[in-house]
Amino acid sequence: MPAPLAYGVQHAIFARLRDANPQPVTELDYCDAFTLLVAVALSAQATDAGVNKATRGLFAAAPTPQAMVALGVEGVTDHIRTIGLFRQKARNAVALSQRLIDDYGGQVPSSRAALMTLPGVGRKTANVVLNCIWGLPAQAVDTHIFRVGNRTRIAPGRDESEVERAIEDNVPAEFQGNAHHWLILHGRHICQARRPRCTICPVADLCPYEPKTTDPLP
């Protein structure tokens, strides 16, 4: 693997990302730890916009673990059938709600290990909840962050766990809390997979990726 960018370059990149978006937030709609947990679990292989459309009615009908269990798998399915893998996700939403009731008093736990015992909750989902709800510098690496981390050499790695560790090891501490937000938004809207929008990229001059696109994009 190539070496990560030097400390000074990392600092300059994240300072620019911070200046452009001082308070980055997830693009998923939620109102508390439970609704965020469910929304992130539903977001695998689905867009945030699609999940938000589905959860608008779901969370109105089932804003708590108790209400989600009462709604049942078929009820949840009716709300989320527009997103990918909706049948399995509906089962997971009900099962994780029941586990929260049985094991955690109906509350979302605040440790990664506890979160990952819940049906349908992996490390990425747990890290999003830890970061957004409890403000921990947890790095939720998805395909966008994996691509940006390797393409820019901010956090090179052969898999998501290596990229997560590379962010933790190399991004200056003052940026750790929001690093995954900045990177995922950068990957979604600028450093896109098929054709990165280099002409509008705020860190293009610090990025070693070649070849860069040079034609203006709408």
N, C-alpha and C. Protein backbone atom coordinates (compact mmCIF):
# COMPACT_ATOMS: atom_id res chain seq x y z
N MET A 1 0.84 -1.20 0.00
CA MET A 1 0.00 0.00 0.00
C MET A 1 0.87 1.25 0.00
N PRO A 2 0.44 2.30 -0.69
CA PRO A 2 1.19 3.56 -0.63
C PRO A 2 1.11 4.16 0.76
N ALA A 3 2.09 4.98 1.07
CA ALA A 3 2.11 5.63 2.39
C ALA A 3 1.01 6.69 2.46
N PRO A 4 0.44 6.89 3.65
CA PRO A 4 -0.54 7.97 3.81
C PRO A 4 0.11 9.33 3.59
N LEU A 5 -0.71 10.30 3.28
CA LEU A 5 -0.21 11.66 3.13
C LEU A 5 0.46 12.14 4.42
N ALA A 6 1.46 12.99 4.27
CA ALA A 6 2.17 13.53 5.42
C ALA A 6 1.24 14.35 6.30
N TYR A 7 1.62 14.48 7.55
CA TYR A 7 0.79 15.18 8.54
C TYR A 7 0.38 16.57 8.08
N GLY A 8 1.32 17.33 7.56
CA GLY A 8 1.02 18.69 7.16
C GLY A 8 -0.02 18.75 6.05
N VAL A 9 0.06 17.81 5.11
CA VAL A 9 -0.91 17.78 4.02
C VAL A 9 -2.27 17.36 4.55
N GLN A 10 -2.29 16.36 5.44
CA GLN A 10 -3.55 15.95 6.05
C GLN A 10 -4.21 17.14 6.75
N HIS A 11 -3.43 17.87 7.50
CA HIS A 11 -3.97 19.01 8.25
C HIS A 11 -4.55 20.05 7.29
N ALA A 12 -3.84 20.32 6.21
CA ALA A 12 -4.31 21.31 5.25
C ALA A 12 -5.60 20.87 4.57
N ILE A 13 -5.69 19.59 4.22
CA ILE A 13 -6.90 19.08 3.56
C ILE A 13 -8.10 19.21 4.48
N PHE A 14 -7.97 18.74 5.71
CA PHE A 14 -9.13 18.76 6.61
C PHE A 14 -9.48 20.18 7.06
N ALA A 15 -8.50 21.06 7.10
CA ALA A 15 -8.80 22.45 7.41
C ALA A 15 -9.68 23.06 6.32
N ARG A 16 -9.39 22.73 5.08
CA ARG A 16 -10.22 23.23 3.98
C ARG A 16 -11.62 22.61 4.01
N LEU A 17 -11.70 21.31 4.28
CA LEU A 17 -13.01 20.66 4.35
C LEU A 17 -13.83 21.26 5.49
N ARG A 18 -13.17 21.56 6.60
CA ARG A 18 -13.84 22.19 7.73
C ARG A 18 -14.31 23.59 7.38
N ASP A 19 -13.47 24.36 6.70
CA ASP A 19 -13.86 25.71 6.32
C ASP A 19 -15.08 25.70 5.40
N ALA A 20 -15.14 24.71 4.51
CA ALA A 20 -16.25 24.61 3.57
C ALA A 20 -17.54 24.13 4.24
N ASN A 21 -17.41 23.34 5.31
CA ASN A 21 -18.58 22.76 5.99
C ASN A 21 -18.24 22.59 7.47
N PRO A 22 -18.35 23.65 8.25
CA PRO A 22 -17.89 23.60 9.65
C PRO A 22 -18.64 22.61 10.53
N GLN A 23 -19.91 22.35 10.24
CA GLN A 23 -20.72 21.46 11.08
C GLN A 23 -21.37 20.38 10.21
N PRO A 24 -20.59 19.43 9.71
CA PRO A 24 -21.17 18.40 8.84
C PRO A 24 -22.05 17.44 9.63
N VAL A 25 -23.12 16.98 9.00
CA VAL A 25 -24.03 16.04 9.65
C VAL A 25 -24.40 14.95 8.66
N THR A 26 -24.90 13.84 9.19
CA THR A 26 -25.38 12.77 8.33
C THR A 26 -26.56 13.26 7.51
N GLU A 27 -26.71 12.70 6.32
CA GLU A 27 -27.84 13.06 5.46
C GLU A 27 -29.06 12.20 5.73
N LEU A 28 -28.97 11.29 6.68
CA LEU A 28 -30.14 10.52 7.11
C LEU A 28 -30.98 11.33 8.07
N ASP A 29 -32.30 11.20 7.95
CA ASP A 29 -33.20 11.87 8.87
C ASP A 29 -33.42 11.00 10.12
N TYR A 30 -33.33 11.62 11.29
CA TYR A 30 -33.57 10.90 12.54
C TYR A 30 -33.88 11.90 13.62
N CYS A 31 -34.41 11.42 14.76
CA CYS A 31 -34.71 12.33 15.86
C CYS A 31 -34.09 11.90 17.17
N ASP A 32 -33.57 10.67 17.25
CA ASP A 32 -32.93 10.20 18.47
C ASP A 32 -32.06 8.98 18.14
N ALA A 33 -31.47 8.39 19.16
CA ALA A 33 -30.56 7.28 18.94
C ALA A 33 -31.26 6.08 18.28
N PHE A 34 -32.47 5.80 18.69
CA PHE A 34 -33.18 4.65 18.12
C PHE A 34 -33.48 4.85 16.63
N THR A 35 -34.03 6.00 16.27
CA THR A 35 -34.36 6.21 14.87
C THR A 35 -33.10 6.29 14.00
N LEU A 36 -32.01 6.84 14.55
CA LEU A 36 -30.76 6.83 13.78
C LEU A 36 -30.26 5.40 13.59
N LEU A 37 -30.30 4.60 14.64
CA LEU A 37 -29.85 3.22 14.55
C LEU A 37 -30.62 2.47 13.46
N VAL A 38 -31.93 2.60 13.45
CA VAL A 38 -32.74 1.93 12.44
C VAL A 38 -32.45 2.48 11.05
N ALA A 39 -32.34 3.80 10.93
CA ALA A 39 -32.10 4.41 9.62
C ALA A 39 -30.78 3.93 9.03
N VAL A 40 -29.73 3.88 9.84
CA VAL A 40 -28.43 3.44 9.33
C VAL A 40 -28.48 1.96 8.96
N ALA A 41 -29.14 1.16 9.78
CA ALA A 41 -29.28 -0.27 9.45
C ALA A 41 -30.03 -0.47 8.14
N LEU A 42 -30.97 0.40 7.85
CA LEU A 42 -31.74 0.30 6.60
C LEU A 42 -30.96 0.82 5.39
N SER A 43 -29.89 1.57 5.62
CA SER A 43 -29.23 2.28 4.53
C SER A 43 -28.28 1.44 3.71
N ALA A 44 -27.99 0.22 4.13
CA ALA A 44 -27.10 -0.65 3.35
C ALA A 44 -27.70 -0.89 1.98
N GLN A 45 -26.90 -0.67 0.92
CA GLN A 45 -27.33 -0.86 -0.45
C GLN A 45 -28.58 -0.04 -0.78
N ALA A 46 -28.66 1.14 -0.20
CA ALA A 46 -29.76 2.06 -0.48
C ALA A 46 -29.23 3.48 -0.33
N THR A 47 -29.85 4.42 -1.02
CA THR A 47 -29.44 5.82 -0.88
C THR A 47 -30.07 6.43 0.36
N ASP A 48 -29.41 7.45 0.89
CA ASP A 48 -29.98 8.14 2.05
C ASP A 48 -31.33 8.76 1.70
N ALA A 49 -31.45 9.28 0.49
CA ALA A 49 -32.73 9.89 0.09
C ALA A 49 -33.83 8.84 0.06
N GLY A 50 -33.50 7.65 -0.43
CA GLY A 50 -34.49 6.57 -0.46
C GLY A 50 -34.87 6.12 0.94
N VAL A 51 -33.89 6.03 1.83
CA VAL A 51 -34.17 5.64 3.21
C VAL A 51 -35.02 6.70 3.90
N ASN A 52 -34.69 7.96 3.69
CA ASN A 52 -35.47 9.03 4.32
C ASN A 52 -36.93 9.00 3.87
N LYS A 53 -37.14 8.71 2.61
CA LYS A 53 -38.51 8.62 2.11
C LYS A 53 -39.26 7.49 2.79
N ALA A 54 -38.57 6.34 2.99
CA ALA A 54 -39.21 5.18 3.60
C ALA A 54 -39.44 5.37 5.10
N THR A 55 -38.49 6.01 5.78
CA THR A 55 -38.59 6.11 7.23
C THR A 55 -39.52 7.22 7.69
N ARG A 56 -39.90 8.09 6.78
CA ARG A 56 -40.81 9.17 7.18
C ARG A 56 -42.09 8.59 7.77
N GLY A 57 -42.67 7.63 7.07
CA GLY A 57 -43.88 6.99 7.57
C GLY A 57 -43.59 5.97 8.65
N LEU A 58 -42.46 5.26 8.51
CA LEU A 58 -42.10 4.24 9.50
C LEU A 58 -41.93 4.84 10.87
N PHE A 59 -41.18 5.93 10.98
CA PHE A 59 -40.92 6.52 12.29
C PHE A 59 -42.15 7.23 12.86
N ALA A 60 -43.04 7.66 11.99
CA ALA A 60 -44.30 8.21 12.50
C ALA A 60 -45.13 7.12 13.15
N ALA A 61 -45.07 5.91 12.57
CA ALA A 61 -45.84 4.79 13.10
C ALA A 61 -45.12 4.09 14.25
N ALA A 62 -43.79 4.08 14.22
CA ALA A 62 -43.02 3.32 15.21
C ALA A 62 -41.78 4.08 15.63
N PRO A 63 -41.93 5.08 16.50
CA PRO A 63 -40.78 5.89 16.92
C PRO A 63 -39.98 5.29 18.07
N THR A 64 -40.42 4.16 18.62
CA THR A 64 -39.74 3.53 19.75
C THR A 64 -39.58 2.05 19.49
N PRO A 65 -38.68 1.39 20.21
CA PRO A 65 -38.55 -0.07 20.05
C PRO A 65 -39.87 -0.79 20.31
N GLN A 66 -40.60 -0.37 21.31
CA GLN A 66 -41.87 -1.02 21.64
C GLN A 66 -42.86 -0.89 20.48
N ALA A 67 -42.93 0.28 19.90
CA ALA A 67 -43.85 0.50 18.78
C ALA A 67 -43.41 -0.27 17.54
N MET A 68 -42.09 -0.40 17.34
CA MET A 68 -41.58 -1.15 16.19
C MET A 68 -41.95 -2.62 16.32
N VAL A 69 -41.80 -3.19 17.51
CA VAL A 69 -42.18 -4.58 17.74
C VAL A 69 -43.68 -4.75 17.53
N ALA A 70 -44.46 -3.81 18.03
CA ALA A 70 -45.91 -3.90 17.87
C ALA A 70 -46.31 -3.80 16.40
N LEU A 71 -45.60 -3.00 15.63
CA LEU A 71 -45.89 -2.88 14.21
C LEU A 71 -45.66 -4.20 13.48
N GLY A 72 -44.61 -4.92 13.89
CA GLY A 72 -44.35 -6.24 13.34
C GLY A 72 -43.65 -6.20 11.98
N VAL A 73 -43.17 -7.36 11.57
CA VAL A 73 -42.39 -7.45 10.33
C VAL A 73 -43.21 -7.00 9.12
N GLU A 74 -44.45 -7.45 9.02
CA GLU A 74 -45.26 -7.08 7.86
C GLU A 74 -45.55 -5.58 7.85
N GLY A 75 -45.80 -5.02 9.03
CA GLY A 75 -46.04 -3.58 9.10
C GLY A 75 -44.83 -2.78 8.71
N VAL A 76 -43.65 -3.19 9.18
CA VAL A 76 -42.42 -2.51 8.79
C VAL A 76 -42.19 -2.66 7.29
N THR A 77 -42.41 -3.87 6.78
CA THR A 77 -42.22 -4.13 5.35
C THR A 77 -43.05 -3.19 4.50
N ASP A 78 -44.27 -2.94 4.91
CA ASP A 78 -45.15 -2.05 4.14
C ASP A 78 -44.55 -0.65 3.98
N HIS A 79 -43.78 -0.21 4.98
CA HIS A 79 -43.19 1.13 4.93
C HIS A 79 -41.89 1.17 4.14
N ILE A 80 -41.13 0.09 4.10
CA ILE A 80 -39.77 0.16 3.55
C ILE A 80 -39.59 -0.65 2.28
N ARG A 81 -40.66 -1.11 1.64
CA ARG A 81 -40.50 -1.98 0.48
C ARG A 81 -39.89 -1.29 -0.73
N THR A 82 -39.73 0.03 -0.67
CA THR A 82 -39.09 0.75 -1.78
C THR A 82 -37.57 0.70 -1.72
N ILE A 83 -36.98 0.19 -0.64
CA ILE A 83 -35.52 0.14 -0.53
C ILE A 83 -35.04 -1.29 -0.68
N GLY A 84 -33.76 -1.45 -1.02
CA GLY A 84 -33.19 -2.77 -1.27
C GLY A 84 -33.19 -3.66 -0.04
N LEU A 85 -33.36 -4.96 -0.27
CA LEU A 85 -33.32 -5.97 0.79
C LEU A 85 -34.35 -5.69 1.88
N PHE A 86 -35.52 -5.18 1.49
CA PHE A 86 -36.48 -4.68 2.48
C PHE A 86 -37.02 -5.77 3.39
N ARG A 87 -37.14 -7.00 2.91
CA ARG A 87 -37.69 -8.06 3.76
C ARG A 87 -36.75 -8.39 4.92
N GLN A 88 -35.47 -8.59 4.60
CA GLN A 88 -34.50 -8.87 5.66
C GLN A 88 -34.34 -7.69 6.59
N LYS A 89 -34.34 -6.49 6.03
CA LYS A 89 -34.21 -5.30 6.87
C LYS A 89 -35.39 -5.12 7.80
N ALA A 90 -36.59 -5.48 7.33
CA ALA A 90 -37.77 -5.40 8.20
C ALA A 90 -37.64 -6.38 9.36
N ARG A 91 -37.16 -7.58 9.06
CA ARG A 91 -36.96 -8.56 10.15
C ARG A 91 -35.93 -8.05 11.14
N ASN A 92 -34.85 -7.46 10.63
CA ASN A 92 -33.81 -6.94 11.52
C ASN A 92 -34.32 -5.79 12.37
N ALA A 93 -35.13 -4.90 11.79
CA ALA A 93 -35.64 -3.76 12.54
C ALA A 93 -36.49 -4.21 13.72
N VAL A 94 -37.31 -5.22 13.50
CA VAL A 94 -38.14 -5.73 14.59
C VAL A 94 -37.28 -6.49 15.59
N ALA A 95 -36.34 -7.31 15.08
CA ALA A 95 -35.51 -8.11 15.99
C ALA A 95 -34.59 -7.24 16.85
N LEU A 96 -34.00 -6.20 16.25
CA LEU A 96 -33.12 -5.34 17.06
C LEU A 96 -33.93 -4.56 18.09
N SER A 97 -35.17 -4.21 17.73
CA SER A 97 -36.03 -3.52 18.69
C SER A 97 -36.37 -4.42 19.87
N GLN A 98 -36.65 -5.69 19.58
CA GLN A 98 -36.93 -6.63 20.65
C GLN A 98 -35.71 -6.84 21.53
N ARG A 99 -34.53 -6.90 20.92
CA ARG A 99 -33.29 -7.07 21.69
C ARG A 99 -33.05 -5.85 22.58
N LEU A 100 -33.33 -4.67 22.08
CA LEU A 100 -33.19 -3.47 22.90
C LEU A 100 -34.09 -3.54 24.12
N ILE A 101 -35.32 -4.00 23.93
CA ILE A 101 -36.26 -4.13 25.04
C ILE A 101 -35.78 -5.18 26.03
N ASP A 102 -35.36 -6.34 25.51
CA ASP A 102 -35.01 -7.47 26.38
C ASP A 102 -33.70 -7.24 27.13
N ASP A 103 -32.70 -6.66 26.44
CA ASP A 103 -31.35 -6.61 27.01
C ASP A 103 -30.91 -5.22 27.49
N TYR A 104 -31.56 -4.16 27.00
CA TYR A 104 -31.05 -2.82 27.30
C TYR A 104 -32.14 -1.87 27.79
N GLY A 105 -33.21 -2.41 28.30
CA GLY A 105 -34.27 -1.57 28.86
C GLY A 105 -34.91 -0.64 27.86
N GLY A 106 -34.89 -1.01 26.59
CA GLY A 106 -35.48 -0.19 25.54
C GLY A 106 -34.62 0.97 25.10
N GLN A 107 -33.38 1.04 25.62
CA GLN A 107 -32.46 2.13 25.26
C GLN A 107 -31.36 1.62 24.32
N VAL A 108 -30.87 2.50 23.48
CA VAL A 108 -29.77 2.15 22.59
C VAL A 108 -28.47 2.20 23.39
N PRO A 109 -27.71 1.09 23.42
CA PRO A 109 -26.47 1.08 24.21
C PRO A 109 -25.41 1.97 23.58
N SER A 110 -24.44 2.37 24.39
CA SER A 110 -23.43 3.33 23.92
C SER A 110 -22.04 2.73 23.81
N SER A 111 -21.94 1.42 23.61
CA SER A 111 -20.64 0.82 23.32
C SER A 111 -20.72 0.09 21.99
N ARG A 112 -19.61 0.07 21.27
CA ARG A 112 -19.58 -0.61 19.97
C ARG A 112 -19.90 -2.09 20.11
N ALA A 113 -19.32 -2.73 21.12
CA ALA A 113 -19.55 -4.16 21.31
C ALA A 113 -21.02 -4.46 21.54
N ALA A 114 -21.68 -3.66 22.38
CA ALA A 114 -23.10 -3.88 22.65
C ALA A 114 -23.94 -3.62 21.40
N LEU A 115 -23.65 -2.55 20.69
CA LEU A 115 -24.39 -2.25 19.47
C LEU A 115 -24.28 -3.38 18.45
N MET A 116 -23.10 -3.98 18.35
CA MET A 116 -22.89 -5.01 17.34
C MET A 116 -23.51 -6.35 17.71
N THR A 117 -24.09 -6.45 18.90
CA THR A 117 -24.87 -7.65 19.22
C THR A 117 -26.28 -7.58 18.66
N LEU A 118 -26.69 -6.41 18.18
CA LEU A 118 -28.04 -6.23 17.68
C LEU A 118 -28.18 -6.77 16.26
N PRO A 119 -29.27 -7.41 15.93
CA PRO A 119 -29.47 -7.95 14.57
C PRO A 119 -29.36 -6.86 13.50
N GLY A 120 -28.56 -7.13 12.48
CA GLY A 120 -28.41 -6.19 11.38
C GLY A 120 -27.49 -5.03 11.63
N VAL A 121 -26.81 -5.02 12.77
CA VAL A 121 -25.92 -3.90 13.12
C VAL A 121 -24.47 -4.38 13.05
N GLY A 122 -23.72 -3.83 12.11
CA GLY A 122 -22.30 -4.11 11.99
C GLY A 122 -21.47 -2.97 12.51
N ARG A 123 -20.19 -3.04 12.27
CA ARG A 123 -19.28 -2.03 12.82
C ARG A 123 -19.56 -0.64 12.25
N LYS A 124 -19.85 -0.57 10.95
CA LYS A 124 -20.11 0.74 10.36
C LYS A 124 -21.34 1.41 11.00
N THR A 125 -22.43 0.65 11.12
CA THR A 125 -23.64 1.20 11.74
C THR A 125 -23.36 1.63 13.17
N ALA A 126 -22.66 0.78 13.93
CA ALA A 126 -22.33 1.12 15.31
C ALA A 126 -21.51 2.40 15.38
N ASN A 127 -20.56 2.56 14.48
CA ASN A 127 -19.72 3.75 14.50
C ASN A 127 -20.50 5.02 14.18
N VAL A 128 -21.47 4.93 13.26
CA VAL A 128 -22.29 6.10 12.97
C VAL A 128 -23.05 6.53 14.21
N VAL A 129 -23.65 5.58 14.91
CA VAL A 129 -24.41 5.90 16.12
C VAL A 129 -23.50 6.48 17.19
N LEU A 130 -22.34 5.88 17.41
CA LEU A 130 -21.41 6.38 18.41
C LEU A 130 -20.97 7.81 18.10
N ASN A 131 -20.76 8.09 16.81
CA ASN A 131 -20.30 9.42 16.41
C ASN A 131 -21.41 10.45 16.50
N CYS A 132 -22.55 10.14 15.92
CA CYS A 132 -23.62 11.14 15.81
C CYS A 132 -24.36 11.38 17.12
N ILE A 133 -24.50 10.34 17.93
CA ILE A 133 -25.26 10.48 19.17
C ILE A 133 -24.36 10.84 20.35
N TRP A 134 -23.22 10.16 20.47
CA TRP A 134 -22.37 10.38 21.64
C TRP A 134 -21.10 11.18 21.34
N GLY A 135 -20.92 11.57 20.09
CA GLY A 135 -19.81 12.45 19.76
C GLY A 135 -18.44 11.80 19.82
N LEU A 136 -18.39 10.48 19.77
CA LEU A 136 -17.10 9.80 19.77
C LEU A 136 -16.45 9.88 18.38
N PRO A 137 -15.12 9.93 18.31
CA PRO A 137 -14.45 10.00 17.01
C PRO A 137 -14.40 8.64 16.32
N ALA A 138 -15.57 8.03 16.14
CA ALA A 138 -15.67 6.73 15.49
C ALA A 138 -15.78 6.94 13.98
N GLN A 139 -15.06 6.15 13.21
CA GLN A 139 -14.97 6.33 11.77
C GLN A 139 -15.78 5.25 11.05
N ALA A 140 -16.91 5.64 10.51
CA ALA A 140 -17.80 4.69 9.82
C ALA A 140 -17.41 4.64 8.35
N VAL A 141 -16.66 3.63 7.97
CA VAL A 141 -16.12 3.55 6.61
C VAL A 141 -17.09 2.82 5.70
N ASP A 142 -17.57 3.53 4.68
CA ASP A 142 -18.40 2.92 3.65
C ASP A 142 -17.65 2.95 2.33
N THR A 143 -18.33 2.66 1.22
CA THR A 143 -17.65 2.60 -0.07
C THR A 143 -17.09 3.97 -0.48
N HIS A 144 -17.79 5.04 -0.13
CA HIS A 144 -17.31 6.38 -0.47
C HIS A 144 -16.01 6.69 0.27
N ILE A 145 -15.99 6.42 1.56
CA ILE A 145 -14.79 6.72 2.35
C ILE A 145 -13.65 5.80 1.94
N PHE A 146 -13.95 4.54 1.65
CA PHE A 146 -12.91 3.62 1.18
C PHE A 146 -12.27 4.16 -0.10
N ARG A 147 -13.10 4.64 -1.03
CA ARG A 147 -12.58 5.18 -2.29
C ARG A 147 -11.77 6.44 -2.05
N VAL A 148 -12.32 7.39 -1.31
CA VAL A 148 -11.63 8.65 -1.08
C VAL A 148 -10.34 8.44 -0.29
N GLY A 149 -10.40 7.57 0.72
CA GLY A 149 -9.21 7.30 1.51
C GLY A 149 -8.05 6.78 0.68
N ASN A 150 -8.36 5.89 -0.27
CA ASN A 150 -7.32 5.33 -1.12
C ASN A 150 -6.93 6.25 -2.26
N ARG A 151 -7.92 6.89 -2.88
CA ARG A 151 -7.64 7.73 -4.04
C ARG A 151 -6.79 8.93 -3.64
N THR A 152 -7.08 9.53 -2.51
CA THR A 152 -6.34 10.73 -2.07
C THR A 152 -5.11 10.39 -1.24
N ARG A 153 -5.04 9.13 -0.76
CA ARG A 153 -4.02 8.67 0.17
C ARG A 153 -4.14 9.32 1.54
N ILE A 154 -5.32 9.86 1.86
CA ILE A 154 -5.58 10.28 3.23
C ILE A 154 -5.52 9.09 4.16
N ALA A 155 -6.13 7.98 3.71
CA ALA A 155 -6.20 6.77 4.55
C ALA A 155 -6.21 5.54 3.65
N PRO A 156 -5.05 5.15 3.11
CA PRO A 156 -5.02 3.97 2.24
C PRO A 156 -5.22 2.69 3.04
N GLY A 157 -5.88 1.73 2.41
CA GLY A 157 -6.09 0.43 3.07
C GLY A 157 -6.67 -0.57 2.09
N ARG A 158 -6.43 -1.85 2.36
CA ARG A 158 -6.93 -2.90 1.46
C ARG A 158 -8.38 -3.25 1.72
N ASP A 159 -8.89 -2.90 2.88
CA ASP A 159 -10.28 -3.16 3.18
C ASP A 159 -10.78 -2.06 4.12
N GLU A 160 -12.06 -2.12 4.47
CA GLU A 160 -12.65 -1.05 5.26
C GLU A 160 -12.01 -0.93 6.64
N SER A 161 -11.62 -2.05 7.23
CA SER A 161 -11.02 -1.98 8.56
C SER A 161 -9.65 -1.30 8.50
N GLU A 162 -8.89 -1.53 7.43
CA GLU A 162 -7.59 -0.87 7.30
C GLU A 162 -7.75 0.63 7.07
N VAL A 163 -8.76 1.01 6.30
CA VAL A 163 -9.00 2.43 6.08
C VAL A 163 -9.44 3.09 7.38
N GLU A 164 -10.29 2.42 8.14
CA GLU A 164 -10.72 2.96 9.43
C GLU A 164 -9.51 3.21 10.33
N ARG A 165 -8.62 2.22 10.41
CA ARG A 165 -7.43 2.38 11.24
C ARG A 165 -6.53 3.49 10.71
N ALA A 166 -6.43 3.60 9.38
CA ALA A 166 -5.57 4.64 8.79
C ALA A 166 -6.10 6.04 9.10
N ILE A 167 -7.43 6.20 9.12
CA ILE A 167 -7.99 7.50 9.51
C ILE A 167 -7.63 7.79 10.96
N GLU A 168 -7.82 6.81 11.83
CA GLU A 168 -7.52 7.00 13.25
C GLU A 168 -6.04 7.31 13.47
N ASP A 169 -5.18 6.69 12.68
CA ASP A 169 -3.74 6.85 12.88
C ASP A 169 -3.18 8.13 12.27
N ASN A 170 -3.80 8.63 11.18
CA ASN A 170 -3.14 9.67 10.40
C ASN A 170 -3.85 11.02 10.36
N VAL A 171 -5.16 11.04 10.56
CA VAL A 171 -5.88 12.32 10.54
C VAL A 171 -5.62 13.04 11.85
N PRO A 172 -5.23 14.31 11.82
CA PRO A 172 -4.97 15.05 13.06
C PRO A 172 -6.17 15.02 14.00
N ALA A 173 -5.89 14.97 15.29
CA ALA A 173 -6.92 14.74 16.30
C ALA A 173 -8.05 15.76 16.25
N GLU A 174 -7.73 17.01 15.94
CA GLU A 174 -8.77 18.04 15.95
C GLU A 174 -9.85 17.83 14.89
N PHE A 175 -9.56 16.95 13.90
CA PHE A 175 -10.52 16.68 12.83
C PHE A 175 -11.18 15.31 12.96
N GLN A 176 -10.76 14.52 13.92
CA GLN A 176 -11.26 13.14 14.02
C GLN A 176 -12.77 13.07 14.22
N GLY A 177 -13.33 13.99 15.01
CA GLY A 177 -14.75 13.91 15.32
C GLY A 177 -15.66 13.99 14.10
N ASN A 178 -15.25 14.77 13.10
CA ASN A 178 -16.08 14.96 11.91
C ASN A 178 -15.46 14.34 10.65
N ALA A 179 -14.35 13.63 10.80
CA ALA A 179 -13.63 13.14 9.62
C ALA A 179 -14.51 12.29 8.72
N HIS A 180 -15.27 11.38 9.30
CA HIS A 180 -16.03 10.48 8.43
C HIS A 180 -17.15 11.24 7.72
N HIS A 181 -17.72 12.28 8.35
CA HIS A 181 -18.74 13.09 7.67
C HIS A 181 -18.13 13.82 6.47
N TRP A 182 -16.99 14.48 6.70
CA TRP A 182 -16.37 15.20 5.59
C TRP A 182 -15.99 14.28 4.45
N LEU A 183 -15.46 13.11 4.77
CA LEU A 183 -15.01 12.19 3.72
C LEU A 183 -16.17 11.59 2.95
N ILE A 184 -17.25 11.22 3.64
CA ILE A 184 -18.37 10.62 2.93
C ILE A 184 -19.07 11.66 2.05
N LEU A 185 -19.22 12.89 2.54
CA LEU A 185 -19.83 13.93 1.73
C LEU A 185 -18.95 14.29 0.53
N HIS A 186 -17.65 14.30 0.75
CA HIS A 186 -16.72 14.57 -0.35
C HIS A 186 -16.83 13.47 -1.40
N GLY A 187 -16.94 12.23 -0.96
CA GLY A 187 -17.06 11.12 -1.91
C GLY A 187 -18.37 11.11 -2.66
N ARG A 188 -19.44 11.49 -2.00
CA ARG A 188 -20.75 11.50 -2.66
C ARG A 188 -20.89 12.62 -3.68
N HIS A 189 -20.38 13.80 -3.33
CA HIS A 189 -20.71 14.97 -4.12
C HIS A 189 -19.57 15.51 -4.99
N ILE A 190 -18.34 15.16 -4.68
CA ILE A 190 -17.20 15.68 -5.45
C ILE A 190 -16.30 14.56 -5.96
N CYS A 191 -15.74 13.78 -5.07
CA CYS A 191 -14.78 12.73 -5.46
C CYS A 191 -15.55 11.45 -5.81
N GLN A 192 -16.39 11.56 -6.83
CA GLN A 192 -17.29 10.48 -7.21
C GLN A 192 -16.54 9.35 -7.90
N ALA A 193 -17.15 8.18 -7.93
CA ALA A 193 -16.45 6.97 -8.36
C ALA A 193 -16.04 7.03 -9.82
N ARG A 194 -16.98 7.23 -10.70
CA ARG A 194 -16.67 7.12 -12.13
C ARG A 194 -15.98 8.35 -12.70
N ARG A 195 -16.34 9.51 -12.19
CA ARG A 195 -15.75 10.74 -12.72
C ARG A 195 -15.66 11.77 -11.61
N PRO A 196 -14.55 11.81 -10.91
CA PRO A 196 -14.40 12.79 -9.83
C PRO A 196 -14.47 14.21 -10.38
N ARG A 197 -15.09 15.08 -9.61
CA ARG A 197 -15.32 16.47 -10.05
C ARG A 197 -14.14 17.34 -9.61
N CYS A 198 -12.99 17.05 -10.18
CA CYS A 198 -11.74 17.68 -9.74
C CYS A 198 -11.74 19.19 -9.94
N THR A 199 -12.47 19.66 -10.95
CA THR A 199 -12.45 21.10 -11.23
C THR A 199 -13.10 21.93 -10.14
N ILE A 200 -13.94 21.31 -9.29
CA ILE A 200 -14.55 22.06 -8.19
C ILE A 200 -14.08 21.55 -6.83
N CYS A 201 -13.09 20.68 -6.82
CA CYS A 201 -12.61 20.08 -5.58
C CYS A 201 -11.77 21.09 -4.79
N PRO A 202 -12.09 21.31 -3.51
CA PRO A 202 -11.34 22.30 -2.73
C PRO A 202 -9.94 21.83 -2.33
N VAL A 203 -9.63 20.54 -2.55
CA VAL A 203 -8.30 20.04 -2.16
C VAL A 203 -7.57 19.43 -3.36
N ALA A 204 -7.97 19.77 -4.57
CA ALA A 204 -7.39 19.15 -5.76
C ALA A 204 -5.88 19.33 -5.83
N ASP A 205 -5.38 20.50 -5.40
CA ASP A 205 -3.95 20.76 -5.50
C ASP A 205 -3.15 19.97 -4.47
N LEU A 206 -3.82 19.41 -3.46
CA LEU A 206 -3.14 18.62 -2.43
C LEU A 206 -3.32 17.12 -2.66
N CYS A 207 -4.10 16.76 -3.65
CA CYS A 207 -4.45 15.36 -3.89
C CYS A 207 -3.51 14.74 -4.92
N PRO A 208 -2.91 13.58 -4.62
CA PRO A 208 -1.96 12.96 -5.55
C PRO A 208 -2.63 12.13 -6.64
N TYR A 209 -3.95 12.04 -6.65
CA TYR A 209 -4.64 11.17 -7.61
C TYR A 209 -4.45 11.67 -9.04
N GLU A 210 -4.10 10.73 -9.90
CA GLU A 210 -3.99 11.01 -11.33
C GLU A 210 -4.66 9.86 -12.08
N PRO A 211 -5.29 10.10 -13.22
CA PRO A 211 -5.45 11.42 -13.82
C PRO A 211 -6.65 12.16 -13.26
N LYS A 212 -6.52 13.43 -13.07
CA LYS A 212 -7.63 14.25 -12.63
C LYS A 212 -8.48 14.66 -13.84
N THR A 213 -9.76 14.88 -13.60
CA THR A 213 -10.60 15.42 -14.66
C THR A 213 -10.34 16.90 -14.79
N THR A 214 -10.40 17.40 -16.01
CA THR A 214 -10.10 18.81 -16.25
C THR A 214 -11.27 19.54 -16.89
N ASP A 215 -12.26 18.81 -17.40
CA ASP A 215 -13.39 19.47 -18.04
C ASP A 215 -14.40 19.91 -16.99
N PRO A 216 -15.01 21.06 -17.15
CA PRO A 216 -16.02 21.51 -16.17
C PRO A 216 -17.25 20.62 -16.22
N LEU A 217 -17.83 20.39 -15.06
CA LEU A 217 -19.04 19.60 -14.96
C LEU A 217 -20.16 20.46 -14.39
N PRO A 218 -21.40 20.17 -14.76
CA PRO A 218 -22.50 20.96 -14.23
C PRO A 218 -22.65 20.77 -12.75
